[in-house]
Amino acid sequence: MVSEGKLVSARMLVNGISILIDRTIRGYTCSHVELESHAACVG
């Protein structure tokens, strides 16, 4: 996530009340993207 021009780690958004970690998810797909210059990928 980008906030005020700075990257914020998704885990920093977890507060245990309104934003939780869904522990029922059995797996996920992680993608590695290489760009020519620094950038934030939004999708």
N, C-alpha and C. Protein backbone atom coordinates (compact mmCIF):
# COMPACT_ATOMS: atom_id res chain seq x y z
N MET A 1 0.84 -1.16 0.00
CA MET A 1 0.00 0.00 0.00
C MET A 1 0.89 1.23 0.00
N VAL A 2 0.47 2.25 -0.70
CA VAL A 2 1.20 3.52 -0.73
C VAL A 2 0.36 4.55 0.00
N SER A 3 0.96 5.20 0.99
CA SER A 3 0.26 6.25 1.75
C SER A 3 1.18 7.45 1.85
N GLU A 4 0.70 8.58 1.41
CA GLU A 4 1.47 9.83 1.43
C GLU A 4 2.83 9.66 0.76
N GLY A 5 2.84 8.89 -0.33
CA GLY A 5 4.05 8.69 -1.11
C GLY A 5 5.03 7.69 -0.53
N LYS A 6 4.64 6.99 0.54
CA LYS A 6 5.53 6.02 1.18
C LYS A 6 4.87 4.65 1.19
N LEU A 7 5.69 3.60 1.04
CA LEU A 7 5.17 2.24 1.09
C LEU A 7 4.87 1.83 2.53
N VAL A 8 3.73 1.19 2.72
CA VAL A 8 3.33 0.69 4.03
C VAL A 8 3.16 -0.81 3.92
N SER A 9 3.84 -1.56 4.77
CA SER A 9 3.72 -3.01 4.80
C SER A 9 2.29 -3.39 5.20
N ALA A 10 1.69 -4.37 4.52
CA ALA A 10 0.33 -4.79 4.81
C ALA A 10 0.17 -5.23 6.26
N ARG A 11 1.19 -5.84 6.83
CA ARG A 11 1.08 -6.30 8.23
C ARG A 11 0.96 -5.13 9.20
N MET A 12 1.40 -3.95 8.80
CA MET A 12 1.28 -2.78 9.67
C MET A 12 -0.18 -2.30 9.77
N LEU A 13 -1.04 -2.76 8.85
CA LEU A 13 -2.44 -2.36 8.87
C LEU A 13 -3.28 -3.21 9.82
N VAL A 14 -2.77 -4.39 10.20
CA VAL A 14 -3.52 -5.31 11.07
C VAL A 14 -3.57 -4.72 12.48
N ASN A 15 -4.81 -4.54 12.99
CA ASN A 15 -4.96 -3.99 14.34
C ASN A 15 -5.67 -4.96 15.29
N GLY A 16 -6.10 -6.12 14.79
CA GLY A 16 -6.74 -7.12 15.64
C GLY A 16 -8.20 -6.84 15.95
N ILE A 17 -8.74 -5.72 15.50
CA ILE A 17 -10.15 -5.39 15.76
C ILE A 17 -10.91 -5.27 14.44
N SER A 18 -10.58 -4.25 13.65
CA SER A 18 -11.29 -4.05 12.39
C SER A 18 -10.53 -4.64 11.20
N ILE A 19 -9.25 -4.88 11.37
CA ILE A 19 -8.44 -5.52 10.32
C ILE A 19 -7.75 -6.72 10.95
N LEU A 20 -8.09 -7.91 10.45
CA LEU A 20 -7.61 -9.15 11.03
C LEU A 20 -6.83 -9.97 10.01
N ILE A 21 -6.07 -10.94 10.48
CA ILE A 21 -5.44 -11.93 9.62
C ILE A 21 -6.39 -13.11 9.51
N ASP A 22 -6.74 -13.50 8.28
CA ASP A 22 -7.64 -14.64 8.07
C ASP A 22 -6.82 -15.92 8.13
N ARG A 23 -6.86 -16.59 9.24
CA ARG A 23 -6.07 -17.80 9.45
C ARG A 23 -6.70 -19.04 8.79
N THR A 24 -7.89 -18.88 8.15
CA THR A 24 -8.53 -20.01 7.48
C THR A 24 -8.00 -20.20 6.06
N ILE A 25 -7.27 -19.22 5.54
CA ILE A 25 -6.72 -19.34 4.20
C ILE A 25 -5.62 -20.40 4.21
N ARG A 26 -5.74 -21.37 3.31
CA ARG A 26 -4.80 -22.49 3.31
C ARG A 26 -3.58 -22.24 2.44
N GLY A 27 -3.63 -21.25 1.58
CA GLY A 27 -2.49 -20.96 0.71
C GLY A 27 -2.70 -19.65 -0.02
N TYR A 28 -1.68 -19.20 -0.67
CA TYR A 28 -1.75 -17.97 -1.45
C TYR A 28 -0.67 -18.01 -2.51
N THR A 29 -0.79 -17.13 -3.48
CA THR A 29 0.19 -17.04 -4.55
C THR A 29 0.99 -15.76 -4.36
N CYS A 30 2.28 -15.89 -4.40
CA CYS A 30 3.18 -14.75 -4.28
C CYS A 30 3.86 -14.55 -5.63
N SER A 31 3.84 -13.34 -6.12
CA SER A 31 4.47 -13.03 -7.40
C SER A 31 5.65 -12.08 -7.19
N HIS A 32 6.70 -12.30 -7.97
CA HIS A 32 7.87 -11.42 -7.93
C HIS A 32 7.88 -10.62 -9.22
N VAL A 33 7.91 -9.31 -9.10
CA VAL A 33 7.89 -8.44 -10.28
C VAL A 33 9.15 -7.59 -10.25
N GLU A 34 9.90 -7.60 -11.34
CA GLU A 34 11.07 -6.73 -11.46
C GLU A 34 10.76 -5.61 -12.43
N LEU A 35 10.99 -4.39 -12.00
CA LEU A 35 10.74 -3.21 -12.82
C LEU A 35 12.07 -2.53 -13.13
N GLU A 36 12.08 -1.74 -14.19
CA GLU A 36 13.31 -1.03 -14.55
C GLU A 36 13.69 0.03 -13.53
N SER A 37 12.69 0.61 -12.86
CA SER A 37 12.95 1.60 -11.81
C SER A 37 12.00 1.33 -10.64
N HIS A 38 12.27 1.97 -9.52
CA HIS A 38 11.42 1.79 -8.34
C HIS A 38 10.00 2.27 -8.66
N ALA A 39 9.01 1.49 -8.26
CA ALA A 39 7.62 1.85 -8.49
C ALA A 39 6.74 1.01 -7.60
N ALA A 40 5.52 1.44 -7.39
CA ALA A 40 4.54 0.66 -6.64
C ALA A 40 3.59 0.02 -7.63
N CYS A 41 3.40 -1.28 -7.50
CA CYS A 41 2.45 -1.99 -8.37
C CYS A 41 1.11 -2.03 -7.67
N VAL A 42 0.09 -1.55 -8.33
CA VAL A 42 -1.27 -1.53 -7.76
C VAL A 42 -2.13 -2.43 -8.61
N GLY A 43 -2.79 -3.37 -7.97
CA GLY A 43 -3.60 -4.28 -8.76
C GLY A 43 -4.73 -4.87 -8.02
